[in-house]
Amino acid sequence: MEDALVYSKLSRLPANLQSEVIDFIDFLLSKEEKKQPDRKPKFGSAKGMFKMMPDFDEPLEDFKDYM
């Protein structure tokens, strides 16, 4: 679409509707900026974020009756 055509149609609108059009354009621009390519996490990127307790593999007391 030509810029001149958009501008001519915009200039015929009342001021309150022109501001709504500008708000909508800002919304569309922000939506476009938020688009990011899908990124896969890299192996080891969460290193140091979790801590395993030393007794992680030990049997739980609650299941002692079943073992």
PDB file of N, CA and C in Angstrom:
ATOM      1  N   MET A   1       0.851  -1.176   0.000  1.00  0.00           N
ATOM      2  CA  MET A   1       0.000   0.000   0.000  1.00  0.00           C
ATOM      3  C   MET A   1       0.898   1.240   0.000  1.00  0.00           C
ATOM      4  N   GLU A   2       0.493   2.209  -0.709  1.00  0.00           N
ATOM      5  CA  GLU A   2       1.272   3.438  -0.820  1.00  0.00           C
ATOM      6  C   GLU A   2       1.134   4.302   0.422  1.00  0.00           C
ATOM      7  N   ASP A   3       2.231   4.932   0.813  1.00  0.00           N
ATOM      8  CA  ASP A   3       2.228   5.804   1.984  1.00  0.00           C
ATOM      9  C   ASP A   3       1.297   6.996   1.783  1.00  0.00           C
ATOM     10  N   ALA A   4       1.252   7.512   0.571  1.00  0.00           N
ATOM     11  CA  ALA A   4       0.413   8.676   0.292  1.00  0.00           C
ATOM     12  C   ALA A   4      -1.059   8.332   0.458  1.00  0.00           C
ATOM     13  N   LEU A   5      -1.444   7.130   0.066  1.00  0.00           N
ATOM     14  CA  LEU A   5      -2.833   6.700   0.208  1.00  0.00           C
ATOM     15  C   LEU A   5      -3.203   6.585   1.687  1.00  0.00           C
ATOM     16  N   VAL A   6      -2.309   5.992   2.462  1.00  0.00           N
ATOM     17  CA  VAL A   6      -2.558   5.852   3.909  1.00  0.00           C
ATOM     18  C   VAL A   6      -2.661   7.232   4.557  1.00  0.00           C
ATOM     19  N   TYR A   7      -1.751   8.115   4.198  1.00  0.00           N
ATOM     20  CA  TYR A   7      -1.760   9.458   4.773  1.00  0.00           C
ATOM     21  C   TYR A   7      -3.028  10.227   4.377  1.00  0.00           C
ATOM     22  N   SER A   8      -3.461  10.090   3.135  1.00  0.00           N
ATOM     23  CA  SER A   8      -4.661  10.824   2.709  1.00  0.00           C
ATOM     24  C   SER A   8      -5.899  10.325   3.441  1.00  0.00           C
ATOM     25  N   LYS A   9      -5.982   9.024   3.661  1.00  0.00           N
ATOM     26  CA  LYS A   9      -7.130   8.485   4.400  1.00  0.00           C
ATOM     27  C   LYS A   9      -7.057   8.883   5.867  1.00  0.00           C
ATOM     28  N   LEU A  10      -5.846   8.876   6.413  1.00  0.00           N
ATOM     29  CA  LEU A  10      -5.673   9.257   7.813  1.00  0.00           C
ATOM     30  C   LEU A  10      -6.016  10.726   8.032  1.00  0.00           C
ATOM     31  N   SER A  11      -5.656  11.572   7.092  1.00  0.00           N
ATOM     32  CA  SER A  11      -5.898  13.004   7.258  1.00  0.00           C
ATOM     33  C   SER A  11      -7.383  13.359   7.171  1.00  0.00           C
ATOM     34  N   ARG A  12      -8.188  12.485   6.577  1.00  0.00           N
ATOM     35  CA  ARG A  12      -9.627  12.746   6.497  1.00  0.00           C
ATOM     36  C   ARG A  12     -10.373  12.362   7.775  1.00  0.00           C
ATOM     37  N   LEU A  13      -9.723  11.623   8.656  1.00  0.00           N
ATOM     38  CA  LEU A  13     -10.362  11.215   9.908  1.00  0.00           C
ATOM     39  C   LEU A  13     -10.335  12.348  10.922  1.00  0.00           C
ATOM     40  N   PRO A  14     -11.329  12.365  11.837  1.00  0.00           N
ATOM     41  CA  PRO A  14     -11.272  13.347  12.933  1.00  0.00           C
ATOM     42  C   PRO A  14     -10.099  13.039  13.869  1.00  0.00           C
ATOM     43  N   ALA A  15      -9.709  14.009  14.658  1.00  0.00           N
ATOM     44  CA  ALA A  15      -8.520  13.909  15.507  1.00  0.00           C
ATOM     45  C   ALA A  15      -8.594  12.728  16.479  1.00  0.00           C
ATOM     46  N   ASN A  16      -9.774  12.475  17.057  1.00  0.00           N
ATOM     47  CA  ASN A  16      -9.870  11.376  18.019  1.00  0.00           C
ATOM     48  C   ASN A  16      -9.653  10.020  17.343  1.00  0.00           C
ATOM     49  N   LEU A  17     -10.144   9.880  16.100  1.00  0.00           N
ATOM     50  CA  LEU A  17      -9.929   8.622  15.387  1.00  0.00           C
ATOM     51  C   LEU A  17      -8.490   8.513  14.880  1.00  0.00           C
ATOM     52  N   GLN A  18      -7.867   9.621  14.568  1.00  0.00           N
ATOM     53  CA  GLN A  18      -6.461   9.588  14.171  1.00  0.00           C
ATOM     54  C   GLN A  18      -5.593   9.078  15.317  1.00  0.00           C
ATOM     55  N   SER A  19      -5.924   9.500  16.531  1.00  0.00           N
ATOM     56  CA  SER A  19      -5.147   9.025  17.676  1.00  0.00           C
ATOM     57  C   SER A  19      -5.367   7.531  17.899  1.00  0.00           C
ATOM     58  N   GLU A  20      -6.572   7.038  17.620  1.00  0.00           N
ATOM     59  CA  GLU A  20      -6.815   5.598  17.732  1.00  0.00           C
ATOM     60  C   GLU A  20      -6.013   4.831  16.691  1.00  0.00           C
ATOM     61  N   VAL A  21      -5.926   5.371  15.486  1.00  0.00           N
ATOM     62  CA  VAL A  21      -5.138   4.728  14.436  1.00  0.00           C
ATOM     63  C   VAL A  21      -3.670   4.686  14.840  1.00  0.00           C
ATOM     64  N   ILE A  22      -3.172   5.761  15.416  1.00  0.00           N
ATOM     65  CA  ILE A  22      -1.780   5.806  15.856  1.00  0.00           C
ATOM     66  C   ILE A  22      -1.538   4.794  16.971  1.00  0.00           C
ATOM     67  N   ASP A  23      -2.491   4.684  17.902  1.00  0.00           N
ATOM     68  CA  ASP A  23      -2.370   3.686  18.963  1.00  0.00           C
ATOM     69  C   ASP A  23      -2.339   2.277  18.379  1.00  0.00           C
ATOM     70  N   PHE A  24      -3.174   2.028  17.376  1.00  0.00           N
ATOM     71  CA  PHE A  24      -3.212   0.707  16.749  1.00  0.00           C
ATOM     72  C   PHE A  24      -1.900   0.417  16.023  1.00  0.00           C
ATOM     73  N   ILE A  25      -1.351   1.415  15.366  1.00  0.00           N
ATOM     74  CA  ILE A  25      -0.064   1.235  14.696  1.00  0.00           C
ATOM     75  C   ILE A  25       1.026   0.918  15.716  1.00  0.00           C
ATOM     76  N   ASP A  26       1.019   1.620  16.847  1.00  0.00           N
ATOM     77  CA  ASP A  26       1.987   1.333  17.913  1.00  0.00           C
ATOM     78  C   ASP A  26       1.835  -0.094  18.429  1.00  0.00           C
ATOM     79  N   PHE A  27       0.575  -0.545  18.568  1.00  0.00           N
ATOM     80  CA  PHE A  27       0.308  -1.914  19.006  1.00  0.00           C
ATOM     81  C   PHE A  27       0.883  -2.914  18.013  1.00  0.00           C
ATOM     82  N   LEU A  28       0.653  -2.690  16.730  1.00  0.00           N
ATOM     83  CA  LEU A  28       1.168  -3.607  15.710  1.00  0.00           C
ATOM     84  C   LEU A  28       2.691  -3.624  15.697  1.00  0.00           C
ATOM     85  N   LEU A  29       3.315  -2.465  15.874  1.00  0.00           N
ATOM     86  CA  LEU A  29       4.769  -2.409  15.900  1.00  0.00           C
ATOM     87  C   LEU A  29       5.338  -3.151  17.107  1.00  0.00           C
ATOM     88  N   SER A  30       4.700  -2.998  18.258  1.00  0.00           N
ATOM     89  CA  SER A  30       5.193  -3.695  19.454  1.00  0.00           C
ATOM     90  C   SER A  30       5.004  -5.200  19.315  1.00  0.00           C
ATOM     91  N   LYS A  31       3.916  -5.599  18.676  1.00  0.00           N
ATOM     92  CA  LYS A  31       3.670  -7.023  18.447  1.00  0.00           C
ATOM     93  C   LYS A  31       4.731  -7.597  17.511  1.00  0.00           C
ATOM     94  N   GLU A  32       5.113  -6.838  16.523  1.00  0.00           N
ATOM     95  CA  GLU A  32       6.135  -7.277  15.573  1.00  0.00           C
ATOM     96  C   GLU A  32       7.508  -7.366  16.243  1.00  0.00           C
ATOM     97  N   GLU A  33       7.797  -6.439  17.167  1.00  0.00           N
ATOM     98  CA  GLU A  33       9.081  -6.449  17.862  1.00  0.00           C
ATOM     99  C   GLU A  33       9.205  -7.635  18.805  1.00  0.00           C
ATOM    100  N   LYS A  34       8.078  -8.105  19.344  1.00  0.00           N
ATOM    101  CA  LYS A  34       8.108  -9.215  20.292  1.00  0.00           C
ATOM    102  C   LYS A  34       8.375 -10.542  19.615  1.00  0.00           C
ATOM    103  N   LYS A  35       8.151 -10.617  18.313  1.00  0.00           N
ATOM    104  CA  LYS A  35       8.401 -11.866  17.607  1.00  0.00           C
ATOM    105  C   LYS A  35       9.887 -12.156  17.628  1.00  0.00           C
ATOM    106  N   GLN A  36      10.215 -13.315  18.137  1.00  0.00           N
ATOM    107  CA  GLN A  36      11.604 -13.746  18.157  1.00  0.00           C
ATOM    108  C   GLN A  36      11.664 -15.138  17.569  1.00  0.00           C
ATOM    109  N   PRO A  37      12.733 -15.456  16.908  1.00  0.00           N
ATOM    110  CA  PRO A  37      12.841 -16.804  16.354  1.00  0.00           C
ATOM    111  C   PRO A  37      12.861 -17.832  17.484  1.00  0.00           C
ATOM    112  N   ASP A  38      12.312 -19.001  17.213  1.00  0.00           N
ATOM    113  CA  ASP A  38      12.301 -20.065  18.217  1.00  0.00           C
ATOM    114  C   ASP A  38      13.737 -20.498  18.494  1.00  0.00           C
ATOM    115  N   ARG A  39      14.094 -20.397  19.750  1.00  0.00           N
ATOM    116  CA  ARG A  39      15.439 -20.795  20.139  1.00  0.00           C
ATOM    117  C   ARG A  39      15.357 -22.034  21.002  1.00  0.00           C
ATOM    118  N   LYS A  40      16.200 -22.999  20.704  1.00  0.00           N
ATOM    119  CA  LYS A  40      16.272 -24.199  21.520  1.00  0.00           C
ATOM    120  C   LYS A  40      17.296 -23.959  22.625  1.00  0.00           C
ATOM    121  N   PRO A  41      17.004 -24.430  23.831  1.00  0.00           N
ATOM    122  CA  PRO A  41      17.980 -24.244  24.902  1.00  0.00           C
ATOM    123  C   PRO A  41      19.238 -25.063  24.617  1.00  0.00           C
ATOM    124  N   LYS A  42      20.375 -24.510  24.984  1.00  0.00           N
ATOM    125  CA  LYS A  42      21.640 -25.204  24.779  1.00  0.00           C
ATOM    126  C   LYS A  42      21.894 -26.133  25.953  1.00  0.00           C
ATOM    127  N   PHE A  43      22.538 -27.243  25.665  1.00  0.00           N
ATOM    128  CA  PHE A  43      22.876 -28.211  26.706  1.00  0.00           C
ATOM    129  C   PHE A  43      23.733 -27.543  27.768  1.00  0.00           C
ATOM    130  N   GLY A  44      23.317 -27.667  29.009  1.00  0.00           N
ATOM    131  CA  GLY A  44      24.076 -27.106  30.121  1.00  0.00           C
ATOM    132  C   GLY A  44      23.741 -25.663  30.442  1.00  0.00           C
ATOM    133  N   SER A  45      22.713 -25.111  29.801  1.00  0.00           N
ATOM    134  CA  SER A  45      22.405 -23.704  30.038  1.00  0.00           C
ATOM    135  C   SER A  45      21.803 -23.451  31.426  1.00  0.00           C
ATOM    136  N   ALA A  46      21.327 -24.494  32.096  1.00  0.00           N
ATOM    137  CA  ALA A  46      20.758 -24.333  33.437  1.00  0.00           C
ATOM    138  C   ALA A  46      21.744 -24.739  34.525  1.00  0.00           C
ATOM    139  N   LYS A  47      23.005 -24.884  34.143  1.00  0.00           N
ATOM    140  CA  LYS A  47      24.011 -25.315  35.110  1.00  0.00           C
ATOM    141  C   LYS A  47      24.091 -24.327  36.277  1.00  0.00           C
ATOM    142  N   GLY A  48      24.044 -24.867  37.481  1.00  0.00           N
ATOM    143  CA  GLY A  48      24.148 -24.043  38.674  1.00  0.00           C
ATOM    144  C   GLY A  48      22.820 -23.506  39.179  1.00  0.00           C
ATOM    145  N   MET A  49      21.742 -23.750  38.457  1.00  0.00           N
ATOM    146  CA  MET A  49      20.433 -23.237  38.875  1.00  0.00           C
ATOM    147  C   MET A  49      19.759 -24.169  39.886  1.00  0.00           C
ATOM    148  N   PHE A  50      20.149 -25.454  39.905  1.00  0.00           N
ATOM    149  CA  PHE A  50      19.531 -26.433  40.785  1.00  0.00           C
ATOM    150  C   PHE A  50      20.611 -27.125  41.595  1.00  0.00           C
ATOM    151  N   LYS A  51      20.254 -27.451  42.814  1.00  0.00           N
ATOM    152  CA  LYS A  51      21.204 -28.135  43.682  1.00  0.00           C
ATOM    153  C   LYS A  51      20.577 -29.443  44.148  1.00  0.00           C
ATOM    154  N   MET A  52      21.276 -30.544  43.911  1.00  0.00           N
ATOM    155  CA  MET A  52      20.796 -31.855  44.348  1.00  0.00           C
ATOM    156  C   MET A  52      21.316 -32.100  45.764  1.00  0.00           C
ATOM    157  N   MET A  53      20.448 -32.548  46.620  1.00  0.00           N
ATOM    158  CA  MET A  53      20.844 -32.859  47.989  1.00  0.00           C
ATOM    159  C   MET A  53      21.642 -34.165  47.980  1.00  0.00           C
ATOM    160  N   PRO A  54      22.570 -34.327  48.910  1.00  0.00           N
ATOM    161  CA  PRO A  54      23.404 -35.543  48.927  1.00  0.00           C
ATOM    162  C   PRO A  54      22.591 -36.824  49.126  1.00  0.00           C
ATOM    163  N   ASP A  55      21.465 -36.750  49.822  1.00  0.00           N
ATOM    164  CA  ASP A  55      20.653 -37.950  50.077  1.00  0.00           C
ATOM    165  C   ASP A  55      19.520 -38.119  49.057  1.00  0.00           C
ATOM    166  N   PHE A  56      19.668 -37.582  47.880  1.00  0.00           N
ATOM    167  CA  PHE A  56      18.606 -37.627  46.871  1.00  0.00           C
ATOM    168  C   PHE A  56      18.205 -39.061  46.517  1.00  0.00           C
ATOM    169  N   ASP A  57      19.193 -39.949  46.389  1.00  0.00           N
ATOM    170  CA  ASP A  57      18.908 -41.330  45.969  1.00  0.00           C
ATOM    171  C   ASP A  57      18.589 -42.265  47.134  1.00  0.00           C
ATOM    172  N   GLU A  58      18.620 -41.781  48.338  1.00  0.00           N
ATOM    173  CA  GLU A  58      18.338 -42.623  49.507  1.00  0.00           C
ATOM    174  C   GLU A  58      16.844 -42.946  49.557  1.00  0.00           C
ATOM    175  N   PRO A  59      16.489 -44.134  50.090  1.00  0.00           N
ATOM    176  CA  PRO A  59      15.063 -44.491  50.214  1.00  0.00           C
ATOM    177  C   PRO A  59      14.340 -43.542  51.173  1.00  0.00           C
ATOM    178  N   LEU A  60      13.087 -43.268  50.893  1.00  0.00           N
ATOM    179  CA  LEU A  60      12.291 -42.382  51.738  1.00  0.00           C
ATOM    180  C   LEU A  60      11.754 -43.136  52.944  1.00  0.00           C
ATOM    181  N   GLU A  61      11.696 -42.447  54.057  1.00  0.00           N
ATOM    182  CA  GLU A  61      11.175 -43.045  55.289  1.00  0.00           C
ATOM    183  C   GLU A  61       9.709 -43.461  55.123  1.00  0.00           C
ATOM    184  N   ASP A  62       8.946 -42.714  54.363  1.00  0.00           N
ATOM    185  CA  ASP A  62       7.542 -42.990  54.193  1.00  0.00           C
ATOM    186  C   ASP A  62       7.262 -44.334  53.523  1.00  0.00           C
ATOM    187  N   PHE A  63       8.195 -44.828  52.745  1.00  0.00           N
ATOM    188  CA  PHE A  63       7.995 -46.081  52.017  1.00  0.00           C
ATOM    189  C   PHE A  63       8.720 -47.258  52.665  1.00  0.00           C
ATOM    190  N   LYS A  64       9.193 -47.058  53.876  1.00  0.00           N
ATOM    191  CA  LYS A  64       9.943 -48.107  54.565  1.00  0.00           C
ATOM    192  C   LYS A  64       9.093 -49.371  54.757  1.00  0.00           C
ATOM    193  N   ASP A  65       7.796 -49.205  55.021  1.00  0.00           N
ATOM    194  CA  ASP A  65       6.916 -50.364  55.248  1.00  0.00           C
ATOM    195  C   ASP A  65       6.721 -51.192  53.982  1.00  0.00           C
ATOM    196  N   TYR A  66       6.897 -50.611  52.828  1.00  0.00           N
ATOM    197  CA  TYR A  66       6.648 -51.296  51.568  1.00  0.00           C
ATOM    198  C   TYR A  66       7.900 -51.943  50.973  1.00  0.00           C
ATOM    199  N   MET A  67       9.037 -51.735  51.600  1.00  0.00           N
ATOM    200  CA  MET A  67      10.281 -52.268  51.043  1.00  0.00           C
ATOM    201  C   MET A  67      10.725 -53.509  51.756  1.00  0.00           C
TER     202      MET A  67
END
